[in-house]
């Protein structure tokens, strides 16, 4: 999960990383335009509920207008997002969530259900690429559930 922190810190030095980004609207007068990359998406999930707002973050109701799918989002300065993500991971671990997978800007968390199976949640870090990637620029963390039983087909751990 340190890769999330590293990726956020690296984005300050290089805005061309693979972090989830949203492009500005293409300029209408440009004769040839490459398609803008798609906005980040959580797939079929819904906005996570019960996610606390950890300092220095504040709620971002519309996720900066940068996501295609429903999510609960918080925003903080871009240079604070890596540490904020680590704080969220620590908070979620106290609630029984375990990091299960991820990449440079996304962490998949799972939590065993008492009745069997697992709930899933994703946390994604992103920013608006149409703005300079300065330390004080807004960065975002989005949280969404993963529908169904994310442990389906996996054997239960033996006690």
C-alpha atoms as a PDB file:
ATOM      1  CA  UNK A   1       0.000   0.000   0.000  1.00  0.00           C
ATOM      2  CA  UNK A   2       3.080   2.170   0.105  1.00  0.00           C
ATOM      3  CA  UNK A   3       2.774   2.286  -3.683  1.00  0.00           C
ATOM      4  CA  UNK A   4      -0.225   4.611  -3.251  1.00  0.00           C
ATOM      5  CA  UNK A   5       1.895   7.013  -1.215  1.00  0.00           C
ATOM      6  CA  UNK A   6       4.788   6.729  -3.665  1.00  0.00           C
ATOM      7  CA  UNK A   7       2.499   7.302  -6.637  1.00  0.00           C
ATOM      8  CA  UNK A   8       0.941  10.407  -5.111  1.00  0.00           C
ATOM      9  CA  UNK A   9       4.334  11.841  -4.232  1.00  0.00           C
ATOM     10  CA  UNK A  10       5.713  11.003  -7.668  1.00  0.00           C
ATOM     11  CA  UNK A  11       2.828  12.741  -9.399  1.00  0.00           C
ATOM     12  CA  UNK A  12       4.058  16.022  -7.998  1.00  0.00           C
ATOM     13  CA  UNK A  13       7.249  15.531  -9.980  1.00  0.00           C
ATOM     14  CA  UNK A  14       5.692  13.971 -13.086  1.00  0.00           C
ATOM     15  CA  UNK A  15       2.089  14.638 -14.140  1.00  0.00           C
ATOM     16  CA  UNK A  16       2.375  11.926 -16.807  1.00  0.00           C
ATOM     17  CA  UNK A  17       2.121   9.000 -14.366  1.00  0.00           C
ATOM     18  CA  UNK A  18      -0.695   6.489 -14.532  1.00  0.00           C
ATOM     19  CA  UNK A  19      -2.657   8.089 -11.707  1.00  0.00           C
ATOM     20  CA  UNK A  20      -6.373   8.326 -12.420  1.00  0.00           C
ATOM     21  CA  UNK A  21      -6.839  11.681 -14.129  1.00  0.00           C
ATOM     22  CA  UNK A  22      -9.582  13.584 -15.852  1.00  0.00           C
ATOM     23  CA  UNK A  23      -8.962  15.713 -18.913  1.00  0.00           C
ATOM     24  CA  UNK A  24     -10.400  19.135 -19.629  1.00  0.00           C
ATOM     25  CA  UNK A  25     -12.979  19.378 -22.405  1.00  0.00           C
ATOM     26  CA  UNK A  26     -11.276  19.268 -25.822  1.00  0.00           C
ATOM     27  CA  UNK A  27     -10.854  22.618 -27.523  1.00  0.00           C
ATOM     28  CA  UNK A  28     -13.522  23.001 -30.229  1.00  0.00           C
ATOM     29  CA  UNK A  29     -11.202  24.773 -32.678  1.00  0.00           C
ATOM     30  CA  UNK A  30      -8.575  22.019 -32.737  1.00  0.00           C
ATOM     31  CA  UNK A  31      -8.595  20.353 -36.174  1.00  0.00           C
ATOM     32  CA  UNK A  32      -7.618  16.853 -34.953  1.00  0.00           C
ATOM     33  CA  UNK A  33      -8.172  15.671 -31.419  1.00  0.00           C
ATOM     34  CA  UNK A  34      -7.209  12.505 -29.666  1.00  0.00           C
ATOM     35  CA  UNK A  35     -10.004  11.112 -27.503  1.00  0.00           C
ATOM     36  CA  UNK A  36      -9.748  12.167 -23.871  1.00  0.00           C
ATOM     37  CA  UNK A  37      -9.038   9.342 -21.438  1.00  0.00           C
ATOM     38  CA  UNK A  38     -12.083   8.019 -19.640  1.00  0.00           C
ATOM     39  CA  UNK A  39     -12.780   9.299 -16.149  1.00  0.00           C
ATOM     40  CA  UNK A  40     -11.933   6.831 -13.384  1.00  0.00           C
ATOM     41  CA  UNK A  41     -14.701   4.383 -12.580  1.00  0.00           C
ATOM     42  CA  UNK A  42     -15.532   1.876  -9.876  1.00  0.00           C
ATOM     43  CA  UNK A  43     -17.568  -0.357 -12.159  1.00  0.00           C
ATOM     44  CA  UNK A  44     -20.898  -1.511 -10.716  1.00  0.00           C
ATOM     45  CA  UNK A  45     -20.249  -0.461  -7.114  1.00  0.00           C
ATOM     46  CA  UNK A  46     -22.088   2.165  -5.113  1.00  0.00           C
ATOM     47  CA  UNK A  47     -20.782   4.914  -2.876  1.00  0.00           C
ATOM     48  CA  UNK A  48     -19.394   3.519   0.359  1.00  0.00           C
ATOM     49  CA  UNK A  49     -21.212   4.561   3.529  1.00  0.00           C
ATOM     50  CA  UNK A  50     -19.857   5.017   7.018  1.00  0.00           C
ATOM     51  CA  UNK A  51     -16.447   6.229   5.820  1.00  0.00           C
ATOM     52  CA  UNK A  52     -15.106   8.738   8.349  1.00  0.00           C
ATOM     53  CA  UNK A  53     -13.679  12.072   7.246  1.00  0.00           C
ATOM     54  CA  UNK A  54     -10.096  12.062   8.489  1.00  0.00           C
ATOM     55  CA  UNK A  55      -8.130  15.275   8.916  1.00  0.00           C
ATOM     56  CA  UNK A  56      -7.052  17.190   6.834  1.00  0.00           C
ATOM     57  CA  UNK A  57      -9.669  15.971   4.337  1.00  0.00           C
ATOM     58  CA  UNK A  58     -13.068  17.482   3.706  1.00  0.00           C
ATOM     59  CA  UNK A  59     -16.045  15.867   1.981  1.00  0.00           C
ATOM     60  CA  UNK A  60     -16.225  16.348  -1.784  1.00  0.00           C
ATOM     61  CA  UNK A  61     -19.868  15.656  -2.615  1.00  0.00           C
ATOM     62  CA  UNK A  62     -19.335  15.497  -6.379  1.00  0.00           C
ATOM     63  CA  UNK A  63     -15.792  14.046  -6.263  1.00  0.00           C
ATOM     64  CA  UNK A  64     -14.531  17.100  -8.105  1.00  0.00           C
ATOM     65  CA  UNK A  65     -16.757  16.089 -11.037  1.00  0.00           C
ATOM     66  CA  UNK A  66     -14.049  13.606 -12.015  1.00  0.00           C
ATOM     67  CA  UNK A  67     -15.627  10.151 -11.499  1.00  0.00           C
ATOM     68  CA  UNK A  68     -18.049   8.273 -13.754  1.00  0.00           C
ATOM     69  CA  UNK A  69     -19.534   6.149 -10.997  1.00  0.00           C
ATOM     70  CA  UNK A  70     -20.958   6.781  -7.539  1.00  0.00           C
ATOM     71  CA  UNK A  71     -18.460   7.145  -4.725  1.00  0.00           C
ATOM     72  CA  UNK A  72     -18.025   8.822  -1.384  1.00  0.00           C
ATOM     73  CA  UNK A  73     -15.102  11.231  -1.836  1.00  0.00           C
ATOM     74  CA  UNK A  74     -12.870  13.393   0.266  1.00  0.00           C
ATOM     75  CA  UNK A  75     -10.408  16.007  -0.900  1.00  0.00           C
ATOM     76  CA  UNK A  76      -7.159  17.401   0.462  1.00  0.00           C
ATOM     77  CA  UNK A  77      -4.096  19.054  -0.977  1.00  0.00           C
ATOM     78  CA  UNK A  78      -2.351  16.793  -3.470  1.00  0.00           C
ATOM     79  CA  UNK A  79       0.781  16.652  -1.336  1.00  0.00           C
ATOM     80  CA  UNK A  80      -1.344  15.343   1.587  1.00  0.00           C
ATOM     81  CA  UNK A  81      -3.236  12.606  -0.265  1.00  0.00           C
ATOM     82  CA  UNK A  82      -0.569   9.900   0.170  1.00  0.00           C
ATOM     83  CA  UNK A  83      -0.432  10.267   3.943  1.00  0.00           C
ATOM     84  CA  UNK A  84      -4.224  10.569   4.033  1.00  0.00           C
ATOM     85  CA  UNK A  85      -4.573   7.301   2.107  1.00  0.00           C
ATOM     86  CA  UNK A  86      -2.253   5.582   4.577  1.00  0.00           C
ATOM     87  CA  UNK A  87      -4.351   6.958   7.464  1.00  0.00           C
ATOM     88  CA  UNK A  88      -7.518   5.579   5.836  1.00  0.00           C
ATOM     89  CA  UNK A  89      -5.907   2.165   5.402  1.00  0.00           C
ATOM     90  CA  UNK A  90      -4.932   2.156   9.082  1.00  0.00           C
ATOM     91  CA  UNK A  91      -8.479   3.212  10.060  1.00  0.00           C
ATOM     92  CA  UNK A  92     -10.070   0.524   7.892  1.00  0.00           C
ATOM     93  CA  UNK A  93      -7.775  -2.157   9.349  1.00  0.00           C
ATOM     94  CA  UNK A  94      -9.079  -1.277  12.847  1.00  0.00           C
ATOM     95  CA  UNK A  95     -12.570  -1.955  11.451  1.00  0.00           C
ATOM     96  CA  UNK A  96     -11.598  -5.395  10.113  1.00  0.00           C
ATOM     97  CA  UNK A  97     -10.868  -4.414   6.489  1.00  0.00           C
ATOM     98  CA  UNK A  98      -7.791  -5.964   4.913  1.00  0.00           C
ATOM     99  CA  UNK A  99      -5.951  -4.740   1.809  1.00  0.00           C
ATOM    100  CA  UNK A 100      -6.303  -7.517  -0.771  1.00  0.00           C
ATOM    101  CA  UNK A 101      -5.123  -6.030  -4.066  1.00  0.00           C
ATOM    102  CA  UNK A 102      -4.422  -2.791  -5.814  1.00  0.00           C
ATOM    103  CA  UNK A 103      -2.210  -0.791  -8.100  1.00  0.00           C
ATOM    104  CA  UNK A 104      -0.647   2.672  -8.122  1.00  0.00           C
ATOM    105  CA  UNK A 105      -3.876   4.506  -7.396  1.00  0.00           C
ATOM    106  CA  UNK A 106      -6.389   1.908  -6.201  1.00  0.00           C
ATOM    107  CA  UNK A 107      -6.595  -0.348  -3.160  1.00  0.00           C
ATOM    108  CA  UNK A 108      -9.126  -3.166  -2.899  1.00  0.00           C
ATOM    109  CA  UNK A 109     -10.135  -3.998   0.665  1.00  0.00           C
ATOM    110  CA  UNK A 110     -12.060  -7.017   1.922  1.00  0.00           C
ATOM    111  CA  UNK A 111     -13.856  -7.748   5.168  1.00  0.00           C
ATOM    112  CA  UNK A 112     -15.116 -11.176   6.190  1.00  0.00           C
ATOM    113  CA  UNK A 113     -18.832 -11.407   6.928  1.00  0.00           C
ATOM    114  CA  UNK A 114     -19.927 -13.211  10.087  1.00  0.00           C
ATOM    115  CA  UNK A 115     -22.333 -15.258   7.973  1.00  0.00           C
ATOM    116  CA  UNK A 116     -19.598 -16.222   5.514  1.00  0.00           C
ATOM    117  CA  UNK A 117     -18.194 -14.597   2.408  1.00  0.00           C
ATOM    118  CA  UNK A 118     -16.686 -11.133   2.155  1.00  0.00           C
ATOM    119  CA  UNK A 119     -17.644  -7.544   1.556  1.00  0.00           C
ATOM    120  CA  UNK A 120     -15.434  -5.510  -0.732  1.00  0.00           C
ATOM    121  CA  UNK A 121     -14.559  -1.847  -1.010  1.00  0.00           C
ATOM    122  CA  UNK A 122     -12.238   0.145  -3.241  1.00  0.00           C
ATOM    123  CA  UNK A 123     -10.280   3.290  -2.475  1.00  0.00           C
ATOM    124  CA  UNK A 124      -9.004   5.261  -5.440  1.00  0.00           C
ATOM    125  CA  UNK A 125      -6.673   8.284  -5.504  1.00  0.00           C
ATOM    126  CA  UNK A 126      -7.043  10.801  -8.330  1.00  0.00           C
ATOM    127  CA  UNK A 127      -6.711  14.426  -9.336  1.00  0.00           C
ATOM    128  CA  UNK A 128      -7.700  16.735 -12.180  1.00  0.00           C
ATOM    129  CA  UNK A 129      -5.020  16.604 -14.866  1.00  0.00           C
ATOM    130  CA  UNK A 130      -6.373  19.757 -16.514  1.00  0.00           C
ATOM    131  CA  UNK A 131      -4.875  21.694 -13.591  1.00  0.00           C
ATOM    132  CA  UNK A 132      -1.188  21.915 -12.669  1.00  0.00           C
ATOM    133  CA  UNK A 133      -0.078  19.098 -10.347  1.00  0.00           C
ATOM    134  CA  UNK A 134       1.102  21.484  -7.652  1.00  0.00           C
ATOM    135  CA  UNK A 135       1.385  20.557  -3.998  1.00  0.00           C
ATOM    136  CA  UNK A 136      -1.616  22.714  -3.073  1.00  0.00           C
ATOM    137  CA  UNK A 137      -3.804  21.438  -5.957  1.00  0.00           C
ATOM    138  CA  UNK A 138      -6.817  19.354  -4.899  1.00  0.00           C
ATOM    139  CA  UNK A 139      -6.328  15.615  -4.719  1.00  0.00           C
ATOM    140  CA  UNK A 140      -9.132  13.159  -4.045  1.00  0.00           C
ATOM    141  CA  UNK A 141      -9.789   9.795  -2.451  1.00  0.00           C
ATOM    142  CA  UNK A 142     -12.929   7.989  -3.571  1.00  0.00           C
ATOM    143  CA  UNK A 143     -14.558   5.042  -1.799  1.00  0.00           C
ATOM    144  CA  UNK A 144     -17.050   2.619  -3.341  1.00  0.00           C
ATOM    145  CA  UNK A 145     -18.364  -0.815  -2.506  1.00  0.00           C
ATOM    146  CA  UNK A 146     -17.812  -3.875  -4.658  1.00  0.00           C
ATOM    147  CA  UNK A 147     -21.123  -5.677  -5.201  1.00  0.00           C
ATOM    148  CA  UNK A 148     -21.630  -9.305  -4.286  1.00  0.00           C
ATOM    149  CA  UNK A 149     -19.418 -11.651  -2.339  1.00  0.00           C
ATOM    150  CA  UNK A 150     -15.833 -10.824  -3.265  1.00  0.00           C
ATOM    151  CA  UNK A 151     -14.649 -14.065  -1.666  1.00  0.00           C
ATOM    152  CA  UNK A 152     -17.047 -16.287  -3.614  1.00  0.00           C
ATOM    153  CA  UNK A 153     -15.275 -19.385  -4.796  1.00  0.00           C
ATOM    154  CA  UNK A 154     -12.507 -18.941  -2.217  1.00  0.00           C
ATOM    155  CA  UNK A 155     -12.226 -21.533   0.525  1.00  0.00           C
ATOM    156  CA  UNK A 156     -12.860 -20.264   4.052  1.00  0.00           C
ATOM    157  CA  UNK A 157      -9.731 -20.116   6.219  1.00  0.00           C
ATOM    158  CA  UNK A 158      -9.267 -23.155   8.435  1.00  0.00           C
ATOM    159  CA  UNK A 159      -9.256 -22.478  12.189  1.00  0.00           C
END
